[in-house]
Amino acid sequence: MMKVNNLKQYVSRKILSSDDAMKKISFFKEQGNKVGLCHGGFDLIHPGHFKHFESAKNKCDVLFVSITADNFVTDRKGFGRPIYTENLRAYMTACCEFVDFVVISNYKLGVDVINLLKPNLYIKGPDFINKNTPGITAEREAILGVNGEMAYTTEDAMSTTGIIEYIKNVVDRKEVLLVIDRDGTIIENNDFFGKNDNWKEELKYNLGVVNALSTLQTKYNTTNVVVTNQGGVARKLFDCKRVEEINKQIDLDLKGLGIRIDKWQYCPDIDSKYASLHPEFDLDKRFVKDVTKRKPNTQMVLDSLKELGKGIESFSKVIVLGDREEDGNLSKNLGANFIDVNGKGYDEIISQAKTFLDE
């Protein structure tokens, strides 16, 4: 479980920029220290990684670890990887006592990192000793090119991919659909959020909900869908572009905490009956409709599942998290369980979710 107290990036004095890493390595080498470098994705940190770092540190005076940036991990490993963002992977690696410094690599290949940092030793796991693929061959040539040497650790290999496959195929995890409201639920702001141009400064997260989402997606195989009514568009308080900018920012912040949102859906419309009751509103007629997808209508949820190639029957449990009557009624229309997050902290939300999921 990853529980957080704020939404600032994870930081450590051991995490350096590329420029600072180059300067430190140069300094350490001038002082006669042997500098070692391990390079990789280091996703889903596990005991094999720690044994690798321990073995590597025994071969050098100062151990640097370079972490492959997210986009290159995805290119190599495919959709859904990395499990954790580059900042979290760097932070977890920095927490290891055997690692002296960490740098996030914005290069596709280890060769580029070697040429940039110029360590004395480039340290790989034992499974690379007899490999002669183009990648490892190029790395061997690169370390020799900067007057360094290859070195290999001796721990038993343990694969992150293998662990993920074991969890997916062996560990029994319930398929759970989480339908999540935005305003008043993920974020505390619930009064037509986005109507002010300084919305980024006003954005405030409901940490009880954020931490609960982190726990639930760790323990269960969750599909996370955010559905939000945004009638402020129809009322000309903001436009669709503003809604999408806010969704993108929230998504980015949550990703930084390892929380995945699979689909975002919003409805900018209001229904014509409601409009007729409020002639005082200056409305954009394009968004006044006889039939809308607004909650408690289930259409936004069903559209999300269709885009994901899933159906409501795919899930053993469906839970709606929200703060308004429309969210509770959406839950009824879906035949789901409802958690009203009003006034609830992390412990209460998790306790209620556990009651539903253990039924």
Protein backbone atom coordinates (compact mmCIF):
# COMPACT_ATOMS: atom_id res chain seq x y z
CA MET A 1 0.00 0.00 0.00
CA MET A 2 1.27 3.45 -0.87
CA LYS A 3 -0.18 6.00 1.51
CA VAL A 4 0.69 9.68 1.05
CA ASN A 5 0.36 12.83 3.10
CA ASN A 6 0.68 15.29 0.22
CA LEU A 7 1.01 15.35 -3.55
CA LYS A 8 4.54 16.68 -3.84
CA GLN A 9 6.98 14.59 -5.85
CA TYR A 10 8.94 12.04 -3.89
CA VAL A 11 12.38 13.52 -3.27
CA SER A 12 15.62 12.39 -1.68
CA ARG A 13 19.02 14.01 -1.30
CA LYS A 14 20.36 10.90 -3.08
CA ILE A 15 18.43 11.63 -6.31
CA LEU A 16 20.55 13.79 -8.61
CA SER A 17 20.16 15.50 -11.96
CA SER A 18 22.38 14.19 -14.77
CA ASP A 19 24.66 17.23 -14.47
CA ASP A 20 25.08 16.82 -10.71
CA ALA A 21 25.72 13.08 -11.13
CA MET A 22 28.48 13.78 -13.68
CA LYS A 23 30.15 16.28 -11.32
CA LYS A 24 29.99 13.93 -8.32
CA ILE A 25 31.37 10.98 -10.26
CA SER A 26 34.23 13.10 -11.57
CA PHE A 27 34.96 14.27 -8.01
CA PHE A 28 34.88 10.78 -6.53
CA LYS A 29 37.20 9.44 -9.23
CA GLU A 30 39.65 12.31 -8.65
CA GLN A 31 39.70 11.35 -4.96
CA GLY A 32 40.70 7.79 -5.88
CA ASN A 33 37.29 6.20 -5.30
CA LYS A 34 36.03 3.40 -7.53
CA VAL A 35 32.60 4.39 -8.88
CA GLY A 36 30.14 1.68 -9.90
CA LEU A 37 27.01 2.09 -12.02
CA CYS A 38 23.91 -0.12 -12.24
CA HIS A 39 21.38 0.74 -14.92
CA GLY A 40 17.84 -0.46 -15.58
CA GLY A 41 14.13 0.06 -15.14
CA PHE A 42 14.03 -1.27 -11.55
CA ASP A 43 10.26 -1.41 -11.62
CA LEU A 44 8.27 -2.96 -8.77
CA ILE A 45 11.31 -3.05 -6.46
CA HIS A 46 11.76 -6.55 -5.01
CA PRO A 47 14.37 -8.54 -2.98
CA GLY A 48 16.30 -9.43 -6.15
CA HIS A 49 16.98 -5.75 -6.76
CA PHE A 50 18.27 -5.23 -3.22
CA LYS A 51 20.56 -8.26 -3.45
CA HIS A 52 21.83 -6.92 -6.78
CA PHE A 53 22.58 -3.50 -5.25
CA GLU A 54 24.25 -5.09 -2.21
CA SER A 55 26.48 -7.23 -4.42
CA ALA A 56 27.26 -4.25 -6.66
CA LYS A 57 28.23 -2.04 -3.70
CA ASN A 58 30.69 -4.70 -2.56
CA LYS A 59 32.57 -4.14 -5.83
CA CYS A 60 32.97 -0.37 -5.59
CA ASP A 61 33.36 2.54 -3.19
CA VAL A 62 30.44 4.59 -4.47
CA LEU A 63 27.39 3.08 -6.19
CA PHE A 64 25.25 5.05 -8.64
CA VAL A 65 22.02 3.67 -10.07
CA SER A 66 20.45 5.11 -13.21
CA ILE A 67 16.70 4.62 -13.66
CA THR A 68 15.26 4.39 -17.17
CA ALA A 69 12.62 7.06 -17.83
CA ASP A 70 8.98 5.98 -18.13
CA ASN A 71 8.57 6.35 -21.88
CA PHE A 72 11.52 4.07 -22.66
CA VAL A 73 10.29 1.41 -20.22
CA THR A 74 6.89 1.45 -21.93
CA ASP A 75 8.53 1.18 -25.36
CA ARG A 76 10.41 -1.92 -24.23
CA LYS A 77 7.99 -3.63 -21.86
CA GLY A 78 4.65 -2.60 -23.38
CA PHE A 79 1.38 -1.11 -22.13
CA GLY A 80 0.97 -1.05 -18.36
CA ARG A 81 4.68 -0.79 -17.63
CA PRO A 82 6.29 0.62 -15.70
CA ILE A 83 4.16 -0.19 -12.68
CA TYR A 84 5.58 2.84 -10.86
CA THR A 85 6.57 6.19 -12.32
CA GLU A 86 10.23 7.14 -12.75
CA ASN A 87 10.07 9.44 -9.70
CA LEU A 88 8.71 6.69 -7.48
CA ARG A 89 11.20 4.14 -8.84
CA ALA A 90 14.04 6.59 -8.18
CA TYR A 91 12.74 7.23 -4.67
CA MET A 92 12.39 3.54 -3.81
CA THR A 93 15.88 2.85 -5.15
CA ALA A 94 17.32 5.74 -3.16
CA CYS A 95 15.81 4.23 0.00
CA CYS A 96 18.14 1.22 -0.37
CA GLU A 97 21.12 1.60 2.00
CA PHE A 98 23.55 0.09 -0.54
CA VAL A 99 22.78 2.78 -3.14
CA ASP A 100 24.67 6.04 -2.76
CA PHE A 101 23.10 8.10 -5.57
CA VAL A 102 20.31 7.77 -8.14
CA VAL A 103 19.80 9.53 -11.46
CA ILE A 104 16.84 9.28 -13.87
CA SER A 105 18.11 8.50 -17.37
CA ASN A 106 16.40 10.24 -20.27
CA TYR A 107 18.19 7.99 -22.73
CA LYS A 108 16.88 4.89 -24.43
CA LEU A 109 20.11 2.89 -24.14
CA GLY A 110 22.51 2.07 -21.34
CA VAL A 111 25.36 2.96 -23.72
CA ASP A 112 24.33 6.62 -23.56
CA VAL A 113 24.33 6.56 -19.76
CA ILE A 114 27.81 5.01 -19.67
CA ASN A 115 29.17 7.64 -22.06
CA LEU A 116 27.58 10.42 -20.02
CA LEU A 117 28.56 9.34 -16.49
CA LYS A 118 31.85 7.49 -17.22
CA PRO A 119 31.93 5.18 -14.17
CA ASN A 120 34.85 2.91 -13.31
CA LEU A 121 32.59 -0.14 -13.28
CA TYR A 122 29.41 -0.93 -15.18
CA ILE A 123 27.69 -3.63 -13.14
CA LYS A 124 25.16 -6.11 -14.51
CA GLY A 125 23.41 -9.15 -13.07
CA PRO A 126 24.78 -12.71 -13.45
CA ASP A 127 22.34 -13.51 -16.26
CA PHE A 128 24.35 -11.16 -18.52
CA ILE A 129 27.71 -12.90 -18.09
CA ASN A 130 27.39 -15.14 -21.13
CA LYS A 131 25.01 -12.96 -23.15
CA ASN A 132 26.23 -11.56 -26.44
CA THR A 133 23.18 -9.66 -27.64
CA PRO A 134 23.75 -6.38 -29.53
CA GLY A 135 22.69 -4.41 -26.43
CA ILE A 136 25.09 -5.93 -23.90
CA THR A 137 27.88 -6.07 -26.50
CA ALA A 138 27.49 -2.34 -27.11
CA GLU A 139 27.56 -1.69 -23.35
CA ARG A 140 30.77 -3.70 -22.96
CA GLU A 141 32.36 -1.62 -25.71
CA ALA A 142 31.08 1.61 -24.19
CA ILE A 143 32.52 0.98 -20.72
CA LEU A 144 35.91 0.13 -22.24
CA GLY A 145 35.64 3.34 -24.27
CA VAL A 146 35.50 5.44 -21.07
CA ASN A 147 38.40 3.49 -19.51
CA GLY A 148 36.12 1.45 -17.28
CA GLU A 149 35.39 -2.23 -16.78
CA MET A 150 32.42 -4.59 -16.79
CA ALA A 151 31.51 -6.35 -13.55
CA TYR A 152 28.81 -8.87 -12.70
CA THR A 153 26.96 -9.58 -9.49
CA THR A 154 26.38 -13.10 -8.20
CA GLU A 155 22.86 -13.12 -6.71
CA ASP A 156 20.16 -15.43 -8.02
CA ALA A 157 18.15 -13.72 -10.74
CA MET A 158 14.63 -12.61 -9.87
CA SER A 159 12.46 -11.13 -12.62
CA THR A 160 9.99 -8.28 -12.17
CA THR A 161 8.10 -9.55 -15.21
CA GLY A 162 7.99 -13.02 -13.66
CA ILE A 163 6.61 -11.62 -10.40
CA ILE A 164 3.92 -9.68 -12.29
CA GLU A 165 2.94 -12.82 -14.23
CA TYR A 166 2.75 -14.79 -10.99
CA ILE A 167 0.44 -12.22 -9.43
CA LYS A 168 -1.74 -12.11 -12.55
CA ASN A 169 -1.99 -15.85 -13.05
CA VAL A 170 -1.61 -17.42 -9.61
CA VAL A 171 -2.74 -14.97 -6.95
CA ASP A 172 -6.54 -14.75 -6.78
CA ARG A 173 -7.46 -11.07 -7.01
CA LYS A 174 -11.02 -9.91 -7.44
CA GLU A 175 -11.93 -7.96 -10.56
CA VAL A 176 -13.35 -4.70 -9.21
CA LEU A 177 -14.80 -1.73 -11.06
CA LEU A 178 -14.33 1.58 -9.25
CA VAL A 179 -16.58 4.35 -10.58
CA ILE A 180 -15.25 7.60 -9.14
CA ASP A 181 -16.72 11.09 -9.03
CA ARG A 182 -14.29 13.99 -9.51
CA ASP A 183 -15.41 17.21 -7.81
CA GLY A 184 -15.98 16.73 -4.09
CA THR A 185 -14.53 13.21 -4.24
CA ILE A 186 -11.04 12.98 -5.76
CA ILE A 187 -10.68 16.70 -5.23
CA GLU A 188 -12.21 18.72 -2.44
CA ASN A 189 -13.27 21.50 -4.83
CA ASN A 190 -16.96 21.07 -5.72
CA ASP A 191 -18.34 24.48 -6.68
CA PHE A 192 -18.04 24.54 -10.49
CA PHE A 193 -14.31 23.98 -10.25
CA GLY A 194 -12.48 25.53 -13.18
CA LYS A 195 -14.48 28.74 -13.39
CA ASN A 196 -11.44 30.69 -12.16
CA ASP A 197 -8.30 31.01 -14.27
CA ASN A 198 -6.13 30.28 -11.23
CA TRP A 199 -7.67 26.81 -10.82
CA LYS A 200 -4.24 25.17 -10.50
CA GLU A 201 -3.63 27.16 -7.33
CA GLU A 202 -7.09 26.25 -6.01
CA LEU A 203 -6.80 22.52 -6.76
CA LYS A 204 -6.95 20.55 -3.52
CA TYR A 205 -7.03 16.77 -3.21
CA ASN A 206 -9.11 14.63 -0.89
CA LEU A 207 -6.24 12.58 0.51
CA GLY A 208 -8.57 10.08 2.18
CA VAL A 209 -9.94 9.13 -1.23
CA VAL A 210 -6.53 9.28 -2.94
CA ASN A 211 -4.97 6.94 -0.38
CA ALA A 212 -7.97 4.62 -0.57
CA LEU A 213 -7.66 4.36 -4.36
CA SER A 214 -3.98 3.48 -3.97
CA THR A 215 -4.78 0.73 -1.49
CA LEU A 216 -7.68 -0.72 -3.47
CA GLN A 217 -5.80 -0.91 -6.76
CA THR A 218 -2.89 -2.60 -4.95
CA LYS A 219 -5.00 -5.25 -3.23
CA TYR A 220 -7.53 -5.86 -6.01
CA ASN A 221 -7.46 -5.95 -9.79
CA THR A 222 -9.31 -2.69 -10.28
CA THR A 223 -10.53 -0.85 -13.35
CA ASN A 224 -10.76 2.81 -12.41
CA VAL A 225 -13.22 5.06 -14.25
CA VAL A 226 -13.89 8.72 -13.42
CA VAL A 227 -17.32 10.06 -14.43
CA THR A 228 -18.23 13.66 -13.73
CA ASN A 229 -21.12 15.99 -14.54
CA GLN A 230 -19.78 19.30 -15.82
CA GLY A 231 -22.87 21.42 -16.32
CA GLY A 232 -20.70 24.50 -15.89
CA VAL A 233 -19.93 24.18 -19.59
CA ALA A 234 -23.62 24.62 -20.46
CA ARG A 235 -23.77 27.55 -18.06
CA LYS A 236 -20.76 29.21 -19.78
CA LEU A 237 -18.70 29.15 -16.58
CA PHE A 238 -15.89 27.35 -18.43
CA ASP A 239 -15.50 25.36 -21.63
CA CYS A 240 -14.74 21.75 -22.51
CA LYS A 241 -11.07 22.57 -22.98
CA ARG A 242 -10.87 23.69 -19.34
CA VAL A 243 -12.54 20.47 -18.13
CA GLU A 244 -10.06 18.39 -20.11
CA GLU A 245 -7.09 20.43 -18.86
CA ILE A 246 -8.17 19.80 -15.28
CA ASN A 247 -8.71 16.10 -15.92
CA LYS A 248 -5.24 15.88 -17.48
CA GLN A 249 -3.64 17.62 -14.51
CA ILE A 250 -5.38 15.39 -11.97
CA ASP A 251 -4.45 12.32 -14.00
CA LEU A 252 -0.82 13.42 -14.06
CA ASP A 253 -0.76 14.04 -10.31
CA LEU A 254 -2.33 10.67 -9.57
CA LYS A 255 0.09 8.88 -11.91
CA GLY A 256 2.91 10.47 -9.95
CA LEU A 257 1.57 8.59 -6.94
CA GLY A 258 1.21 5.32 -8.83
CA ILE A 259 -2.59 5.64 -9.14
CA ARG A 260 -4.01 4.66 -12.50
CA ILE A 261 -7.21 6.06 -14.01
CA ASP A 262 -8.24 3.91 -16.96
CA LYS A 263 -10.89 6.23 -18.40
CA TRP A 264 -12.08 9.79 -17.89
CA GLN A 265 -15.64 10.71 -18.91
CA TYR A 266 -17.52 13.96 -18.43
CA CYS A 267 -20.89 15.32 -19.49
CA PRO A 268 -21.02 19.06 -20.33
CA ASP A 269 -24.79 19.04 -20.86
CA ILE A 270 -27.82 19.95 -18.79
CA ASP A 271 -31.31 18.68 -19.56
CA SER A 272 -33.95 20.93 -21.09
CA LYS A 273 -36.36 20.46 -18.19
CA TYR A 274 -33.78 21.81 -15.73
CA ALA A 275 -33.03 24.67 -18.11
CA SER A 276 -36.71 25.62 -18.30
CA LEU A 277 -36.80 25.93 -14.51
CA HIS A 278 -33.92 28.39 -14.55
CA PRO A 279 -34.56 31.09 -17.14
CA GLU A 280 -32.12 33.33 -15.24
CA PHE A 281 -29.16 31.23 -16.45
CA ASP A 282 -27.25 32.37 -19.53
CA LEU A 283 -26.99 28.98 -21.25
CA ASP A 284 -25.06 27.69 -24.23
CA LYS A 285 -27.91 26.11 -26.22
CA ARG A 286 -25.55 23.53 -27.73
CA PHE A 287 -25.38 21.81 -24.36
CA VAL A 288 -29.08 21.92 -23.48
CA LYS A 289 -30.59 18.56 -24.44
CA ASP A 290 -33.73 16.54 -23.86
CA VAL A 291 -31.64 13.45 -23.04
CA THR A 292 -28.14 13.61 -21.56
CA LYS A 293 -25.49 11.24 -20.20
CA ARG A 294 -25.46 13.05 -16.88
CA LYS A 295 -25.33 10.97 -13.74
CA PRO A 296 -27.35 9.14 -12.52
CA ASN A 297 -27.56 7.95 -16.13
CA THR A 298 -25.16 4.99 -16.49
CA GLN A 299 -24.11 5.83 -20.05
CA MET A 300 -20.75 7.42 -19.19
CA VAL A 301 -19.79 4.27 -17.28
CA LEU A 302 -20.97 1.97 -20.07
CA ASP A 303 -19.16 4.05 -22.70
CA SER A 304 -15.94 3.80 -20.68
CA LEU A 305 -16.22 0.03 -20.38
CA LYS A 306 -16.95 -0.31 -24.09
CA GLU A 307 -13.80 1.64 -24.93
CA LEU A 308 -11.85 -0.63 -22.57
CA GLY A 309 -13.33 -3.74 -24.18
CA LYS A 310 -15.14 -4.78 -21.01
CA GLY A 311 -18.69 -5.20 -19.79
CA ILE A 312 -20.24 -4.63 -16.39
CA GLU A 313 -20.52 -8.42 -16.07
CA SER A 314 -16.70 -8.64 -16.18
CA PHE A 315 -16.50 -7.56 -12.55
CA SER A 316 -17.21 -9.44 -9.36
CA LYS A 317 -17.86 -6.12 -7.59
CA VAL A 318 -18.72 -2.58 -8.65
CA ILE A 319 -18.25 0.32 -6.22
CA VAL A 320 -19.20 3.95 -6.81
CA LEU A 321 -17.34 6.59 -4.79
CA GLY A 322 -19.03 9.98 -4.70
CA ASP A 323 -20.34 12.80 -2.57
CA ARG A 324 -23.78 13.58 -4.01
CA GLU A 325 -27.22 12.08 -4.40
CA GLU A 326 -26.61 11.66 -8.14
CA ASP A 327 -23.66 9.37 -7.33
CA GLY A 328 -25.79 7.27 -5.00
CA ASN A 329 -28.50 6.97 -7.64
CA LEU A 330 -25.90 6.05 -10.26
CA SER A 331 -24.84 3.25 -7.95
CA LYS A 332 -28.44 1.99 -7.75
CA ASN A 333 -28.80 2.12 -11.52
CA LEU A 334 -25.61 0.09 -11.92
CA GLY A 335 -26.63 -2.40 -9.23
CA ALA A 336 -23.44 -1.39 -7.41
CA ASN A 337 -22.33 -0.55 -3.89
CA PHE A 338 -22.00 3.12 -2.94
CA ILE A 339 -19.48 4.83 -0.69
CA ASP A 340 -20.50 8.38 0.24
CA VAL A 341 -17.13 10.03 0.91
CA ASN A 342 -18.65 13.05 2.67
CA GLY A 343 -16.90 13.45 6.02
CA LYS A 344 -15.05 10.14 5.64
CA GLY A 345 -11.32 9.66 5.97
CA TYR A 346 -9.11 6.91 4.62
CA ASP A 347 -9.88 4.37 7.36
CA GLU A 348 -13.66 4.71 6.99
CA ILE A 349 -13.54 4.47 3.20
CA ILE A 350 -11.35 1.36 3.26
CA SER A 351 -13.44 -0.24 5.99
CA GLN A 352 -16.63 0.24 3.98
CA ALA A 353 -14.99 -0.97 0.75
CA LYS A 354 -13.68 -4.05 2.54
CA THR A 355 -17.18 -4.82 3.80
CA PHE A 356 -18.49 -4.76 0.24
CA LEU A 357 -15.57 -6.69 -1.26
CA ASP A 358 -15.55 -9.43 1.37
CA GLU A 359 -19.25 -10.20 0.94
